[in-house]
Amino acid sequence: MRIVLDSNVLVASLGMRSRLRPIWQAFIDGRYQLVVSEDILKEYEEILNEHSAPGTAAIVMEIFIESPDVIAQKVYYNWNAILTDPDDNKFFDIAVAADADYLVTNDKHFDAVKNIAFPKVNVITADDFLNLLGRS
C-alpha cells in the first residue's frame, strides 16, 4: 500500500501515548510504503523541529533515509487543486504522481479534492487509515 501522509498526521502519530501511534508503528513494521518528495521531507523536518521534542526530527529523518519503505517521487505536474491553502498542493500532487492508494490527512483543506473526478486521489482521515490498518 502506497501512502502520502500529511505532516499533521505524521507529527500526531509519533507520540508514544498518541492514539495515532499505530500509524507510525505500521510504517516501522513495513506495512505500507510512504511516498515523499523533497518538499514534503523539508516540511516534515520543519514541523517536527517546531512541535516535537529536541532531536526527534533528526531521528525521524534518519529513519526515512534508511527505510526501504520510503519512495522518493518527483512531481511532474502541479494541479493547484487546493486553493484555500496552496501549500497543501504538494501532498496532492505527489499522491497523483505516485498513484498513491491514499492521502492521509486531518486537514479540512483537502475536502476540496475529495469529490473531483480527475485526477482522483483517495483522501482519508487518520482514523479511516487506522481502521484500514486494523483490517489488514
N, C-alpha and C. Protein backbone atom coordinates (compact mmCIF):
# COMPACT_ATOMS: atom_id res chain seq x y z
N MET A 1 0.85 -1.17 0.00
CA MET A 1 0.00 0.00 0.00
C MET A 1 0.90 1.23 0.00
N ARG A 2 0.64 2.15 -0.91
CA ARG A 2 1.41 3.40 -1.02
C ARG A 2 0.59 4.54 -0.43
N ILE A 3 1.20 5.24 0.52
CA ILE A 3 0.51 6.26 1.30
C ILE A 3 1.27 7.59 1.23
N VAL A 4 0.53 8.68 1.17
CA VAL A 4 1.07 10.02 1.40
C VAL A 4 0.49 10.48 2.72
N LEU A 5 1.37 10.84 3.65
CA LEU A 5 0.93 11.31 4.97
C LEU A 5 1.12 12.82 5.06
N ASP A 6 0.05 13.52 5.36
CA ASP A 6 0.16 14.94 5.63
C ASP A 6 0.98 15.10 6.92
N SER A 7 1.65 16.21 7.04
CA SER A 7 2.53 16.41 8.19
C SER A 7 1.76 16.39 9.51
N ASN A 8 0.49 16.81 9.52
CA ASN A 8 -0.27 16.79 10.77
C ASN A 8 -0.45 15.37 11.28
N VAL A 9 -0.61 14.41 10.40
CA VAL A 9 -0.77 13.02 10.82
C VAL A 9 0.56 12.44 11.26
N LEU A 10 1.62 12.75 10.53
CA LEU A 10 2.94 12.25 10.92
C LEU A 10 3.27 12.70 12.34
N VAL A 11 3.16 13.98 12.61
CA VAL A 11 3.51 14.50 13.93
C VAL A 11 2.65 13.86 15.01
N ALA A 12 1.36 13.74 14.77
CA ALA A 12 0.46 13.17 15.77
C ALA A 12 0.72 11.69 16.00
N SER A 13 1.26 10.99 15.00
CA SER A 13 1.48 9.54 15.13
C SER A 13 2.76 9.19 15.88
N LEU A 14 3.62 10.15 16.10
CA LEU A 14 4.92 9.85 16.72
C LEU A 14 4.86 9.72 18.24
N GLY A 15 3.90 10.37 18.86
CA GLY A 15 3.83 10.34 20.32
C GLY A 15 3.59 8.94 20.85
N MET A 16 4.35 8.55 21.85
CA MET A 16 4.23 7.21 22.42
C MET A 16 2.82 6.94 22.96
N ARG A 17 2.15 7.97 23.45
CA ARG A 17 0.81 7.79 24.02
C ARG A 17 -0.30 8.22 23.06
N SER A 18 0.08 8.58 21.85
CA SER A 18 -0.90 9.04 20.88
C SER A 18 -1.80 7.90 20.41
N ARG A 19 -3.07 8.16 20.25
CA ARG A 19 -3.97 7.14 19.73
C ARG A 19 -3.66 6.85 18.26
N LEU A 20 -2.90 7.76 17.61
CA LEU A 20 -2.50 7.55 16.22
C LEU A 20 -1.16 6.83 16.09
N ARG A 21 -0.57 6.46 17.20
CA ARG A 21 0.73 5.78 17.20
C ARG A 21 0.75 4.54 16.28
N PRO A 22 -0.33 3.78 16.16
CA PRO A 22 -0.29 2.62 15.25
C PRO A 22 0.03 2.97 13.80
N ILE A 23 -0.20 4.21 13.39
CA ILE A 23 0.16 4.62 12.03
C ILE A 23 1.68 4.62 11.87
N TRP A 24 2.38 5.20 12.84
CA TRP A 24 3.84 5.20 12.81
C TRP A 24 4.38 3.78 12.95
N GLN A 25 3.81 3.02 13.87
CA GLN A 25 4.28 1.66 14.09
C GLN A 25 4.09 0.80 12.85
N ALA A 26 3.00 0.98 12.14
CA ALA A 26 2.76 0.22 10.91
C ALA A 26 3.81 0.55 9.85
N PHE A 27 4.23 1.83 9.80
CA PHE A 27 5.31 2.19 8.88
C PHE A 27 6.61 1.49 9.28
N ILE A 28 6.95 1.56 10.55
CA ILE A 28 8.18 0.92 11.05
C ILE A 28 8.14 -0.59 10.77
N ASP A 29 6.97 -1.18 10.87
CA ASP A 29 6.81 -2.62 10.64
C ASP A 29 6.75 -2.99 9.16
N GLY A 30 6.83 -2.00 8.27
CA GLY A 30 6.83 -2.27 6.84
C GLY A 30 5.46 -2.61 6.26
N ARG A 31 4.40 -2.12 6.89
CA ARG A 31 3.05 -2.47 6.43
C ARG A 31 2.55 -1.54 5.33
N TYR A 32 3.24 -0.45 5.08
CA TYR A 32 2.91 0.42 3.95
C TYR A 32 4.17 1.16 3.52
N GLN A 33 4.10 1.68 2.30
CA GLN A 33 5.18 2.49 1.78
C GLN A 33 4.76 3.95 1.87
N LEU A 34 5.68 4.79 2.29
CA LEU A 34 5.44 6.21 2.43
C LEU A 34 6.02 6.93 1.21
N VAL A 35 5.18 7.66 0.50
CA VAL A 35 5.62 8.40 -0.68
C VAL A 35 5.91 9.83 -0.27
N VAL A 36 7.10 10.31 -0.64
CA VAL A 36 7.53 11.66 -0.27
C VAL A 36 8.18 12.36 -1.46
N SER A 37 8.33 13.65 -1.31
CA SER A 37 9.11 14.47 -2.23
C SER A 37 10.10 15.27 -1.39
N GLU A 38 11.00 15.96 -2.03
CA GLU A 38 11.93 16.80 -1.28
C GLU A 38 11.18 17.86 -0.48
N ASP A 39 10.15 18.46 -1.09
CA ASP A 39 9.37 19.49 -0.40
C ASP A 39 8.65 18.92 0.82
N ILE A 40 8.12 17.72 0.68
CA ILE A 40 7.43 17.10 1.82
C ILE A 40 8.41 16.78 2.93
N LEU A 41 9.57 16.25 2.60
CA LEU A 41 10.58 15.96 3.62
C LEU A 41 11.00 17.23 4.35
N LYS A 42 11.16 18.33 3.62
CA LYS A 42 11.52 19.60 4.24
C LYS A 42 10.42 20.05 5.21
N GLU A 43 9.16 19.90 4.79
CA GLU A 43 8.07 20.29 5.68
C GLU A 43 8.03 19.40 6.91
N TYR A 44 8.19 18.08 6.73
CA TYR A 44 8.23 17.18 7.87
C TYR A 44 9.29 17.63 8.87
N GLU A 45 10.48 17.89 8.38
CA GLU A 45 11.58 18.28 9.26
C GLU A 45 11.27 19.59 9.99
N GLU A 46 10.74 20.56 9.25
CA GLU A 46 10.40 21.85 9.85
C GLU A 46 9.33 21.70 10.93
N ILE A 47 8.27 20.97 10.62
CA ILE A 47 7.17 20.79 11.57
C ILE A 47 7.65 20.01 12.80
N LEU A 48 8.44 18.97 12.58
CA LEU A 48 8.95 18.19 13.71
C LEU A 48 9.87 19.02 14.60
N ASN A 49 10.68 19.87 13.99
CA ASN A 49 11.54 20.74 14.79
C ASN A 49 10.73 21.71 15.64
N GLU A 50 9.58 22.16 15.12
CA GLU A 50 8.73 23.10 15.84
C GLU A 50 7.88 22.44 16.92
N HIS A 51 7.40 21.21 16.66
CA HIS A 51 6.36 20.64 17.50
C HIS A 51 6.73 19.35 18.22
N SER A 52 7.97 18.95 18.14
CA SER A 52 8.39 17.69 18.78
C SER A 52 9.55 17.94 19.73
N ALA A 53 9.86 16.92 20.49
CA ALA A 53 10.99 17.01 21.41
C ALA A 53 12.29 17.22 20.63
N PRO A 54 13.26 17.89 21.26
CA PRO A 54 14.54 18.08 20.59
C PRO A 54 15.14 16.75 20.13
N GLY A 55 15.62 16.74 18.90
CA GLY A 55 16.24 15.54 18.36
C GLY A 55 15.29 14.62 17.60
N THR A 56 13.99 14.81 17.79
CA THR A 56 13.02 13.95 17.12
C THR A 56 13.12 14.06 15.60
N ALA A 57 13.21 15.27 15.11
CA ALA A 57 13.28 15.48 13.66
C ALA A 57 14.47 14.74 13.06
N ALA A 58 15.62 14.83 13.69
CA ALA A 58 16.82 14.17 13.17
C ALA A 58 16.64 12.65 13.14
N ILE A 59 16.04 12.10 14.17
CA ILE A 59 15.82 10.65 14.23
C ILE A 59 14.85 10.20 13.14
N VAL A 60 13.74 10.92 13.00
CA VAL A 60 12.74 10.55 12.00
C VAL A 60 13.32 10.69 10.59
N MET A 61 14.05 11.75 10.34
CA MET A 61 14.63 11.94 9.01
C MET A 61 15.65 10.84 8.71
N GLU A 62 16.39 10.42 9.69
CA GLU A 62 17.35 9.31 9.50
C GLU A 62 16.61 8.01 9.19
N ILE A 63 15.52 7.77 9.87
CA ILE A 63 14.70 6.58 9.59
C ILE A 63 14.21 6.64 8.14
N PHE A 64 13.75 7.79 7.70
CA PHE A 64 13.27 7.93 6.33
C PHE A 64 14.39 7.68 5.31
N ILE A 65 15.58 8.15 5.60
CA ILE A 65 16.72 7.95 4.69
C ILE A 65 17.05 6.47 4.57
N GLU A 66 16.99 5.77 5.67
CA GLU A 66 17.40 4.36 5.71
C GLU A 66 16.30 3.38 5.30
N SER A 67 15.06 3.79 5.37
CA SER A 67 13.94 2.87 5.17
C SER A 67 13.75 2.47 3.71
N PRO A 68 13.61 1.17 3.46
CA PRO A 68 13.28 0.73 2.10
C PRO A 68 11.81 1.01 1.74
N ASP A 69 11.04 1.44 2.73
CA ASP A 69 9.62 1.71 2.51
C ASP A 69 9.30 3.18 2.28
N VAL A 70 10.33 3.98 2.01
CA VAL A 70 10.12 5.37 1.63
C VAL A 70 10.40 5.48 0.14
N ILE A 71 9.42 6.00 -0.58
CA ILE A 71 9.53 6.17 -2.02
C ILE A 71 9.68 7.65 -2.33
N ALA A 72 10.81 8.02 -2.90
CA ALA A 72 11.02 9.41 -3.32
C ALA A 72 10.40 9.57 -4.70
N GLN A 73 9.47 10.48 -4.80
CA GLN A 73 8.72 10.69 -6.03
C GLN A 73 8.90 12.12 -6.51
N LYS A 74 9.02 12.30 -7.79
CA LYS A 74 9.05 13.63 -8.38
C LYS A 74 7.65 14.00 -8.84
N VAL A 75 7.36 15.29 -8.78
CA VAL A 75 6.09 15.81 -9.27
C VAL A 75 6.31 16.29 -10.70
N TYR A 76 5.45 15.83 -11.58
CA TYR A 76 5.58 16.20 -12.99
C TYR A 76 4.57 17.25 -13.43
N TYR A 77 3.58 17.48 -12.59
CA TYR A 77 2.56 18.47 -12.92
C TYR A 77 1.99 19.03 -11.62
N ASN A 78 1.84 20.33 -11.57
CA ASN A 78 1.24 20.99 -10.40
C ASN A 78 -0.23 21.25 -10.69
N TRP A 79 -1.10 20.53 -10.00
CA TRP A 79 -2.53 20.59 -10.25
C TRP A 79 -3.20 21.83 -9.65
N ASN A 80 -2.61 22.41 -8.63
CA ASN A 80 -3.21 23.56 -7.94
C ASN A 80 -4.67 23.30 -7.58
N ALA A 81 -4.91 22.13 -7.03
CA ALA A 81 -6.27 21.68 -6.72
C ALA A 81 -6.80 22.25 -5.41
N ILE A 82 -5.91 22.65 -4.51
CA ILE A 82 -6.33 23.17 -3.20
C ILE A 82 -6.07 24.67 -3.17
N LEU A 83 -7.13 25.42 -3.38
CA LEU A 83 -6.99 26.87 -3.48
C LEU A 83 -6.93 27.55 -2.12
N THR A 84 -7.56 26.96 -1.11
CA THR A 84 -7.64 27.59 0.20
C THR A 84 -6.32 27.55 0.97
N ASP A 85 -5.45 26.60 0.64
CA ASP A 85 -4.13 26.52 1.26
C ASP A 85 -3.16 25.91 0.23
N PRO A 86 -2.64 26.76 -0.66
CA PRO A 86 -1.80 26.25 -1.76
C PRO A 86 -0.60 25.42 -1.30
N ASP A 87 -0.14 25.62 -0.08
CA ASP A 87 1.00 24.83 0.42
C ASP A 87 0.65 23.34 0.53
N ASP A 88 -0.63 23.03 0.66
CA ASP A 88 -1.06 21.64 0.74
C ASP A 88 -1.02 20.92 -0.61
N ASN A 89 -0.90 21.67 -1.68
CA ASN A 89 -0.88 21.06 -3.01
C ASN A 89 0.26 20.08 -3.20
N LYS A 90 1.35 20.26 -2.48
CA LYS A 90 2.49 19.33 -2.64
C LYS A 90 2.09 17.90 -2.27
N PHE A 91 1.21 17.75 -1.30
CA PHE A 91 0.76 16.41 -0.90
C PHE A 91 -0.18 15.82 -1.96
N PHE A 92 -1.09 16.64 -2.46
CA PHE A 92 -1.99 16.19 -3.51
C PHE A 92 -1.19 15.82 -4.77
N ASP A 93 -0.29 16.70 -5.18
CA ASP A 93 0.48 16.47 -6.41
C ASP A 93 1.33 15.20 -6.32
N ILE A 94 1.90 14.93 -5.17
CA ILE A 94 2.74 13.74 -5.03
C ILE A 94 1.86 12.49 -5.00
N ALA A 95 0.68 12.59 -4.43
CA ALA A 95 -0.25 11.45 -4.44
C ALA A 95 -0.64 11.10 -5.87
N VAL A 96 -0.88 12.11 -6.69
CA VAL A 96 -1.21 11.88 -8.10
C VAL A 96 -0.02 11.27 -8.82
N ALA A 97 1.15 11.88 -8.67
CA ALA A 97 2.35 11.42 -9.39
C ALA A 97 2.72 9.99 -9.04
N ALA A 98 2.51 9.60 -7.79
CA ALA A 98 2.89 8.26 -7.33
C ALA A 98 1.76 7.25 -7.46
N ASP A 99 0.59 7.70 -7.87
CA ASP A 99 -0.59 6.84 -7.90
C ASP A 99 -0.77 6.18 -6.53
N ALA A 100 -0.70 7.02 -5.50
CA ALA A 100 -0.82 6.54 -4.12
C ALA A 100 -2.20 5.97 -3.87
N ASP A 101 -2.26 4.98 -3.01
CA ASP A 101 -3.55 4.40 -2.63
C ASP A 101 -4.37 5.38 -1.81
N TYR A 102 -3.69 6.10 -0.91
CA TYR A 102 -4.39 7.04 -0.03
C TYR A 102 -3.51 8.24 0.30
N LEU A 103 -4.17 9.38 0.48
CA LEU A 103 -3.56 10.56 1.07
C LEU A 103 -4.23 10.69 2.43
N VAL A 104 -3.45 10.58 3.48
CA VAL A 104 -3.99 10.55 4.85
C VAL A 104 -3.77 11.92 5.50
N THR A 105 -4.87 12.55 5.87
CA THR A 105 -4.80 13.88 6.47
C THR A 105 -6.00 14.14 7.35
N ASN A 106 -5.82 15.03 8.31
CA ASN A 106 -6.93 15.53 9.11
C ASN A 106 -7.20 17.00 8.79
N ASP A 107 -6.60 17.48 7.72
CA ASP A 107 -6.72 18.88 7.31
C ASP A 107 -7.96 19.05 6.44
N LYS A 108 -8.85 19.92 6.85
CA LYS A 108 -10.12 20.16 6.13
C LYS A 108 -9.91 20.79 4.75
N HIS A 109 -8.74 21.38 4.50
CA HIS A 109 -8.48 21.95 3.18
C HIS A 109 -8.57 20.89 2.08
N PHE A 110 -8.30 19.65 2.43
CA PHE A 110 -8.32 18.58 1.45
C PHE A 110 -9.72 18.14 1.07
N ASP A 111 -10.73 18.64 1.78
CA ASP A 111 -12.11 18.33 1.41
C ASP A 111 -12.40 18.80 -0.01
N ALA A 112 -11.69 19.83 -0.46
CA ALA A 112 -11.90 20.38 -1.80
C ALA A 112 -11.59 19.38 -2.91
N VAL A 113 -10.76 18.38 -2.62
CA VAL A 113 -10.37 17.43 -3.68
C VAL A 113 -11.01 16.06 -3.52
N LYS A 114 -11.80 15.87 -2.49
CA LYS A 114 -12.40 14.56 -2.26
C LYS A 114 -13.36 14.14 -3.36
N ASN A 115 -14.01 15.09 -3.98
CA ASN A 115 -15.05 14.75 -4.96
C ASN A 115 -14.70 15.09 -6.40
N ILE A 116 -13.45 15.45 -6.66
CA ILE A 116 -13.11 15.70 -8.06
C ILE A 116 -12.85 14.37 -8.76
N ALA A 117 -13.29 14.29 -9.99
CA ALA A 117 -13.20 13.04 -10.74
C ALA A 117 -11.80 12.79 -11.29
N PHE A 118 -11.11 13.86 -11.67
CA PHE A 118 -9.77 13.69 -12.24
C PHE A 118 -8.92 14.87 -11.85
N PRO A 119 -7.73 14.61 -11.39
CA PRO A 119 -7.19 13.30 -11.04
C PRO A 119 -7.78 12.83 -9.71
N LYS A 120 -8.03 11.56 -9.62
CA LYS A 120 -8.67 11.00 -8.43
C LYS A 120 -7.62 10.66 -7.39
N VAL A 121 -7.80 11.20 -6.20
CA VAL A 121 -6.96 10.89 -5.05
C VAL A 121 -7.88 10.49 -3.91
N ASN A 122 -7.62 9.36 -3.31
CA ASN A 122 -8.41 8.90 -2.18
C ASN A 122 -7.91 9.57 -0.90
N VAL A 123 -8.60 10.61 -0.49
CA VAL A 123 -8.25 11.35 0.72
C VAL A 123 -9.03 10.76 1.87
N ILE A 124 -8.29 10.32 2.90
CA ILE A 124 -8.94 9.74 4.07
C ILE A 124 -8.35 10.37 5.34
N THR A 125 -9.09 10.26 6.42
CA THR A 125 -8.62 10.78 7.70
C THR A 125 -7.68 9.76 8.36
N ALA A 126 -7.00 10.23 9.38
CA ALA A 126 -6.13 9.33 10.15
C ALA A 126 -6.94 8.20 10.78
N ASP A 127 -8.14 8.49 11.24
CA ASP A 127 -9.00 7.44 11.82
C ASP A 127 -9.39 6.40 10.77
N ASP A 128 -9.70 6.86 9.56
CA ASP A 128 -10.00 5.92 8.47
C ASP A 128 -8.80 5.02 8.20
N PHE A 129 -7.61 5.62 8.21
CA PHE A 129 -6.40 4.84 7.96
C PHE A 129 -6.14 3.83 9.08
N LEU A 130 -6.39 4.25 10.31
CA LEU A 130 -6.27 3.31 11.43
C LEU A 130 -7.20 2.11 11.23
N ASN A 131 -8.41 2.37 10.78
CA ASN A 131 -9.36 1.29 10.51
C ASN A 131 -8.84 0.36 9.41
N LEU A 132 -8.26 0.94 8.34
CA LEU A 132 -7.68 0.12 7.27
C LEU A 132 -6.53 -0.74 7.81
N LEU A 133 -5.70 -0.15 8.62
CA LEU A 133 -4.58 -0.91 9.19
C LEU A 133 -5.07 -2.03 10.07
N GLY A 134 -6.15 -1.79 10.78
CA GLY A 134 -6.71 -2.81 11.66
C GLY A 134 -7.28 -3.99 10.92
N ARG A 135 -7.68 -3.76 9.67
CA ARG A 135 -8.25 -4.83 8.86
C ARG A 135 -7.20 -5.62 8.09
N SER A 136 -6.02 -5.05 7.95
CA SER A 136 -5.01 -5.76 7.13
C SER A 136 -4.06 -6.59 7.96
